[in-house]
Amino acid sequence: MRSKGRKESLSDSRDLDGSYDQLTGNPPAQTKKALKQRFLKLLPCCRPKSIPSLSESKTVLASAVLSSSGFLADSVEDEFELSTVCHRPEGLEQLQEQTKFTRKELQVLYRGFKNECPSGIVNEENFKQIYSQFFPQGDSSTYATFLFNAFDTDHDGSVSFEDFVSGLSIILRGTIDDRLNWAFNLYDLNKDGCITKEEMLDIMKSIYDMMGKYTYPAMREEAPREHVENFFQKMDRNKDGVVTIEEFLESCQKDENIMRSMQLFDNVI
């Protein structure tokens, strides 16, 4: 990151999080509580069914990904000056160019991110701790690790605000192909360009663990493996035991239910 003087850095931070109005010098109106409530209404994973269909699981996965937007806080009070932040994010204009968020949306996201992560970055353990708050009925730690790795695109063991909004921009504002490619990368745990049954089983088990054991109706122990078999029957076109990105995209694009689930969060922010 480029070095700046403290005064310039502090000005950029206030500009990014919206805690300072350059024209009046006053903090802006605080009206973002409804935004978080809107997110929380879109969490079908908190209402699990016995064995979700393939399209329902896509919705569960999308919801689970977006619950990480719990970084959006009810309070928009800015109690941290940039001088206390270890990682300084890119400037507002640069983030606007790199993502599909508006200036105001980036400010709202930054306030919530900085509220949870005052150092400016989040490591895997902190990410899992934050994520667990949204799934208290189950164990979300394994799925949170998979999700963390998807956001940590440079594989440095941390997620910065830039990493977070870049991923969120794809999920919320990307094209259908962008979103499907992001989902494929999430499922491809070892990043070798294909999804194996073992990888998909790990994903599915982590989702069922996250949904919790005390759901109604109760989930059968063999449900994750059955779901994986259903996934491969639909996606593995040449029956070679792995699903490539081409097979994944083609199968998803031909499934109306999956396409609808990909559009579920078009207008969340």
Protein backbone atom coordinates (compact mmCIF):
# COMPACT_ATOMS: atom_id res chain seq x y z
CA MET A 1 0.00 0.00 0.00
CA ARG A 2 1.25 3.51 -0.72
CA SER A 3 2.47 5.52 2.24
CA LYS A 4 0.60 8.67 3.29
CA GLY A 5 0.92 11.33 5.91
CA ARG A 6 -1.26 10.84 8.96
CA LYS A 7 -3.49 13.81 8.12
CA GLU A 8 -4.07 12.62 4.55
CA SER A 9 -4.69 9.02 5.68
CA LEU A 10 -7.17 10.13 8.31
CA SER A 11 -9.01 12.23 5.75
CA ASP A 12 -9.22 9.25 3.36
CA SER A 13 -10.51 7.01 6.16
CA ARG A 14 -13.22 9.47 7.12
CA ASP A 15 -14.13 9.91 3.47
CA LEU A 16 -14.39 6.13 3.01
CA ASP A 17 -16.48 5.39 6.07
CA GLY A 18 -18.61 8.49 5.71
CA SER A 19 -17.91 9.67 9.25
CA TYR A 20 -16.90 13.09 7.94
CA ASP A 21 -18.70 15.37 5.49
CA GLN A 22 -16.10 17.27 3.52
CA LEU A 23 -18.55 20.11 2.90
CA THR A 24 -19.97 20.64 6.40
CA GLY A 25 -17.45 18.86 8.63
CA ASN A 26 -20.36 17.05 10.30
CA PRO A 27 -21.15 13.32 10.55
CA PRO A 28 -23.89 12.13 8.14
CA ALA A 29 -27.32 10.87 9.06
CA GLN A 30 -27.35 7.36 10.54
CA THR A 31 -30.04 5.42 8.68
CA LYS A 32 -28.61 1.98 7.88
CA LYS A 33 -30.37 -0.27 10.40
CA ALA A 34 -33.03 -1.22 7.87
CA LEU A 35 -30.31 -2.43 5.48
CA LYS A 36 -29.06 -5.06 7.90
CA GLN A 37 -32.62 -6.13 8.70
CA ARG A 38 -33.18 -6.62 4.99
CA PHE A 39 -30.17 -8.94 4.86
CA LEU A 40 -31.35 -10.98 7.82
CA LYS A 41 -34.73 -11.59 6.21
CA LEU A 42 -32.91 -13.35 3.36
CA LEU A 43 -31.40 -16.21 5.34
CA PRO A 44 -33.30 -19.39 4.40
CA CYS A 45 -30.48 -21.44 5.94
CA CYS A 46 -31.87 -20.46 9.31
CA ARG A 47 -35.01 -22.37 8.33
CA PRO A 48 -33.56 -25.71 7.11
CA LYS A 49 -35.51 -28.48 5.47
CA SER A 50 -34.80 -32.19 5.65
CA ILE A 51 -32.95 -32.67 2.34
CA PRO A 52 -32.79 -29.55 0.19
CA SER A 53 -32.91 -29.90 -3.57
CA LEU A 54 -29.93 -28.86 -5.68
CA SER A 55 -31.46 -25.45 -6.33
CA GLU A 56 -32.37 -25.03 -2.65
CA SER A 57 -28.79 -25.82 -1.67
CA LYS A 58 -27.59 -23.16 -4.07
CA THR A 59 -29.87 -20.73 -2.25
CA VAL A 60 -28.54 -21.95 1.11
CA LEU A 61 -24.99 -21.45 -0.11
CA ALA A 62 -25.75 -17.98 -1.43
CA SER A 63 -27.41 -17.08 1.85
CA ALA A 64 -24.53 -18.48 3.86
CA VAL A 65 -22.07 -16.47 1.81
CA LEU A 66 -24.05 -13.29 2.24
CA SER A 67 -24.58 -13.69 5.94
CA SER A 68 -20.94 -12.67 6.14
CA SER A 69 -22.39 -9.27 5.34
CA GLY A 70 -23.16 -9.21 9.03
CA PHE A 71 -20.13 -6.94 8.94
CA LEU A 72 -22.90 -4.38 8.34
CA ALA A 73 -23.54 -3.03 11.80
CA ASP A 74 -26.62 -1.40 13.31
CA SER A 75 -24.40 1.31 14.68
CA VAL A 76 -22.49 3.53 12.31
CA GLU A 77 -20.58 5.31 15.07
CA ASP A 78 -16.92 5.62 14.05
CA GLU A 79 -14.79 5.17 17.16
CA PHE A 80 -11.53 4.26 15.42
CA GLU A 81 -9.19 6.79 13.87
CA LEU A 82 -7.10 5.59 10.94
CA SER A 83 -3.96 5.98 13.04
CA THR A 84 -5.06 2.88 14.98
CA VAL A 85 -5.63 0.80 11.85
CA CYS A 86 -2.86 -1.54 10.74
CA HIS A 87 -4.10 -1.93 7.18
CA ARG A 88 -5.15 1.15 5.22
CA PRO A 89 -7.66 0.39 2.47
CA GLU A 90 -7.47 1.74 -1.04
CA GLY A 91 -9.03 5.13 -1.70
CA LEU A 92 -12.75 5.42 -2.26
CA GLU A 93 -12.47 6.27 -5.95
CA GLN A 94 -10.22 3.29 -6.63
CA LEU A 95 -12.61 0.91 -4.86
CA GLN A 96 -15.49 2.32 -6.87
CA GLU A 97 -13.57 1.49 -10.05
CA GLN A 98 -12.70 -2.02 -8.85
CA THR A 99 -16.21 -2.95 -7.65
CA LYS A 100 -19.80 -2.28 -8.62
CA PHE A 101 -20.67 -0.47 -5.40
CA THR A 102 -21.51 3.20 -5.12
CA ARG A 103 -19.62 5.62 -2.92
CA LYS A 104 -22.31 5.50 -0.23
CA GLU A 105 -22.52 1.70 -0.26
CA LEU A 106 -18.75 1.43 0.20
CA GLN A 107 -18.94 3.81 3.14
CA VAL A 108 -21.65 1.70 4.82
CA LEU A 109 -19.70 -1.52 4.25
CA TYR A 110 -16.48 0.02 5.53
CA ARG A 111 -18.05 1.24 8.77
CA GLY A 112 -19.35 -2.24 9.52
CA PHE A 113 -16.08 -3.91 8.53
CA LYS A 114 -14.00 -1.56 10.66
CA ASN A 115 -16.40 -2.00 13.57
CA GLU A 116 -15.75 -5.77 13.54
CA CYS A 117 -12.13 -5.54 12.40
CA PRO A 118 -10.50 -2.36 13.74
CA SER A 119 -7.08 -3.55 12.55
CA GLY A 120 -8.32 -3.35 8.96
CA ILE A 121 -7.87 -7.06 8.26
CA VAL A 122 -9.43 -10.27 9.54
CA ASN A 123 -7.66 -13.61 9.93
CA GLU A 124 -9.30 -17.02 9.67
CA GLU A 125 -9.98 -17.46 13.39
CA ASN A 126 -11.59 -14.03 13.68
CA PHE A 127 -13.61 -14.67 10.55
CA LYS A 128 -14.94 -17.93 12.00
CA GLN A 129 -15.81 -16.22 15.26
CA ILE A 130 -17.74 -13.46 13.50
CA TYR A 131 -19.46 -15.94 11.19
CA SER A 132 -20.55 -18.20 14.07
CA GLN A 133 -22.79 -15.42 15.39
CA PHE A 134 -25.12 -15.94 12.45
CA PHE A 135 -25.50 -19.71 12.90
CA PRO A 136 -25.68 -20.28 16.67
CA GLN A 137 -27.77 -23.41 16.18
CA GLY A 138 -24.91 -25.29 14.50
CA ASP A 139 -21.17 -25.47 13.92
CA SER A 140 -20.22 -23.08 11.13
CA SER A 141 -16.44 -23.29 11.59
CA THR A 142 -15.67 -25.58 8.65
CA TYR A 143 -17.87 -23.75 6.18
CA ALA A 144 -16.46 -20.43 7.42
CA THR A 145 -12.96 -21.72 6.61
CA PHE A 146 -14.04 -22.56 3.06
CA LEU A 147 -15.66 -19.15 2.70
CA PHE A 148 -12.62 -17.38 4.14
CA ASN A 149 -10.39 -19.08 1.57
CA ALA A 150 -12.71 -17.92 -1.21
CA PHE A 151 -12.42 -14.30 -0.05
CA ASP A 152 -8.66 -14.60 0.56
CA THR A 153 -7.81 -14.54 -3.14
CA ASP A 154 -4.10 -13.82 -2.67
CA HIS A 155 -3.80 -16.62 -0.08
CA ASP A 156 -1.93 -14.51 2.48
CA GLY A 157 -3.98 -15.76 5.42
CA SER A 158 -5.99 -12.58 5.86
CA VAL A 159 -8.99 -10.80 4.34
CA SER A 160 -8.73 -7.05 3.91
CA PHE A 161 -11.59 -4.68 3.21
CA GLU A 162 -10.58 -4.72 -0.46
CA ASP A 163 -10.79 -8.55 -0.51
CA PHE A 164 -14.16 -8.44 1.21
CA VAL A 165 -15.85 -5.90 -1.06
CA SER A 166 -14.34 -7.44 -4.20
CA GLY A 167 -15.92 -10.79 -3.38
CA LEU A 168 -19.17 -9.22 -2.24
CA SER A 169 -19.34 -7.17 -5.45
CA ILE A 170 -19.21 -10.37 -7.50
CA ILE A 171 -21.87 -12.08 -5.39
CA LEU A 172 -24.25 -9.13 -5.34
CA ARG A 173 -23.53 -7.26 -8.55
CA GLY A 174 -21.67 -9.64 -10.84
CA THR A 175 -23.06 -11.27 -13.96
CA ILE A 176 -24.50 -14.76 -13.71
CA ASP A 177 -21.22 -16.15 -15.07
CA ASP A 178 -19.26 -14.11 -12.50
CA ARG A 179 -21.36 -15.52 -9.65
CA LEU A 180 -21.18 -19.08 -10.92
CA ASN A 181 -17.40 -18.85 -11.32
CA TRP A 182 -17.15 -17.56 -7.74
CA ALA A 183 -19.30 -20.43 -6.48
CA PHE A 184 -17.19 -22.95 -8.42
CA ASN A 185 -14.05 -21.54 -6.83
CA LEU A 186 -15.67 -21.95 -3.42
CA TYR A 187 -16.43 -25.64 -4.10
CA ASP A 188 -13.03 -26.34 -5.69
CA LEU A 189 -11.24 -26.63 -2.36
CA ASN A 190 -7.75 -27.40 -3.67
CA LYS A 191 -8.09 -24.97 -6.61
CA ASP A 192 -7.07 -27.52 -9.24
CA GLY A 193 -9.84 -26.57 -11.68
CA CYS A 194 -12.32 -29.34 -10.93
CA ILE A 195 -14.69 -30.42 -8.17
CA THR A 196 -14.35 -33.97 -6.84
CA LYS A 197 -16.95 -35.93 -4.89
CA GLU A 198 -14.74 -35.68 -1.82
CA GLU A 199 -14.63 -31.88 -2.08
CA MET A 200 -18.37 -31.60 -2.58
CA LEU A 201 -18.99 -33.96 0.33
CA ASP A 202 -16.83 -31.78 2.57
CA ILE A 203 -18.84 -28.74 1.47
CA MET A 204 -22.17 -30.43 2.04
CA LYS A 205 -21.19 -31.79 5.46
CA SER A 206 -20.07 -28.32 6.50
CA ILE A 207 -23.43 -26.87 5.42
CA TYR A 208 -25.39 -29.52 7.33
CA ASP A 209 -23.17 -28.94 10.38
CA MET A 210 -23.85 -25.23 10.10
CA MET A 211 -27.61 -25.78 9.92
CA GLY A 212 -27.47 -27.71 13.19
CA LYS A 213 -28.52 -31.12 14.46
CA TYR A 214 -31.71 -30.00 16.16
CA THR A 215 -33.67 -29.02 13.09
CA TYR A 216 -37.17 -30.14 12.29
CA PRO A 217 -37.62 -32.45 10.56
CA ALA A 218 -34.38 -34.06 11.68
CA MET A 219 -31.72 -34.53 9.03
CA ARG A 220 -30.68 -38.03 8.13
CA GLU A 221 -26.99 -38.88 8.48
CA GLU A 222 -26.73 -40.03 4.87
CA ALA A 223 -28.32 -36.84 3.47
CA PRO A 224 -25.04 -35.05 2.56
CA ARG A 225 -23.74 -38.02 0.57
CA GLU A 226 -27.09 -38.40 -1.21
CA HIS A 227 -26.97 -34.75 -2.13
CA VAL A 228 -23.46 -35.13 -3.57
CA GLU A 229 -24.59 -38.06 -5.72
CA ASN A 230 -27.48 -35.96 -6.99
CA PHE A 231 -25.09 -33.10 -7.73
CA PHE A 232 -22.74 -35.30 -9.75
CA GLN A 233 -25.55 -37.03 -11.61
CA LYS A 234 -26.66 -33.61 -12.80
CA MET A 235 -23.30 -31.90 -13.32
CA ASP A 236 -20.79 -34.60 -14.35
CA ARG A 237 -21.72 -34.73 -18.03
CA ASN A 238 -18.98 -37.11 -19.20
CA LYS A 239 -19.13 -39.28 -16.06
CA ASP A 240 -15.41 -39.07 -15.35
CA GLY A 241 -15.90 -38.52 -11.62
CA VAL A 242 -15.10 -34.80 -11.54
CA VAL A 243 -16.99 -31.63 -12.45
CA THR A 244 -15.11 -29.07 -14.53
CA ILE A 245 -15.93 -25.37 -14.71
CA GLU A 246 -17.37 -25.91 -18.20
CA GLU A 247 -19.70 -28.66 -16.96
CA PHE A 248 -20.65 -26.61 -13.95
CA LEU A 249 -21.52 -23.50 -15.96
CA GLU A 250 -23.43 -25.42 -18.62
CA SER A 251 -25.49 -27.38 -16.09
CA CYS A 252 -26.30 -24.36 -13.95
CA GLN A 253 -27.25 -22.18 -16.92
CA LYS A 254 -29.75 -24.80 -18.08
CA ASP A 255 -31.42 -25.07 -14.67
CA GLU A 256 -34.14 -22.45 -14.13
CA ASN A 257 -34.17 -22.95 -10.36
CA ILE A 258 -30.43 -22.40 -10.06
CA MET A 259 -30.69 -19.31 -12.25
CA ARG A 260 -33.39 -17.91 -9.99
CA SER A 261 -31.30 -18.59 -6.91
CA MET A 262 -28.37 -16.74 -8.49
CA GLN A 263 -30.59 -13.67 -8.78
CA LEU A 264 -31.84 -13.88 -5.21
CA PHE A 265 -29.66 -11.05 -3.93
CA ASP A 266 -29.74 -8.71 -6.92
CA ASN A 267 -31.28 -5.87 -4.91
CA VAL A 268 -30.01 -6.60 -1.40
CA ILE A 269 -27.95 -3.40 -1.27
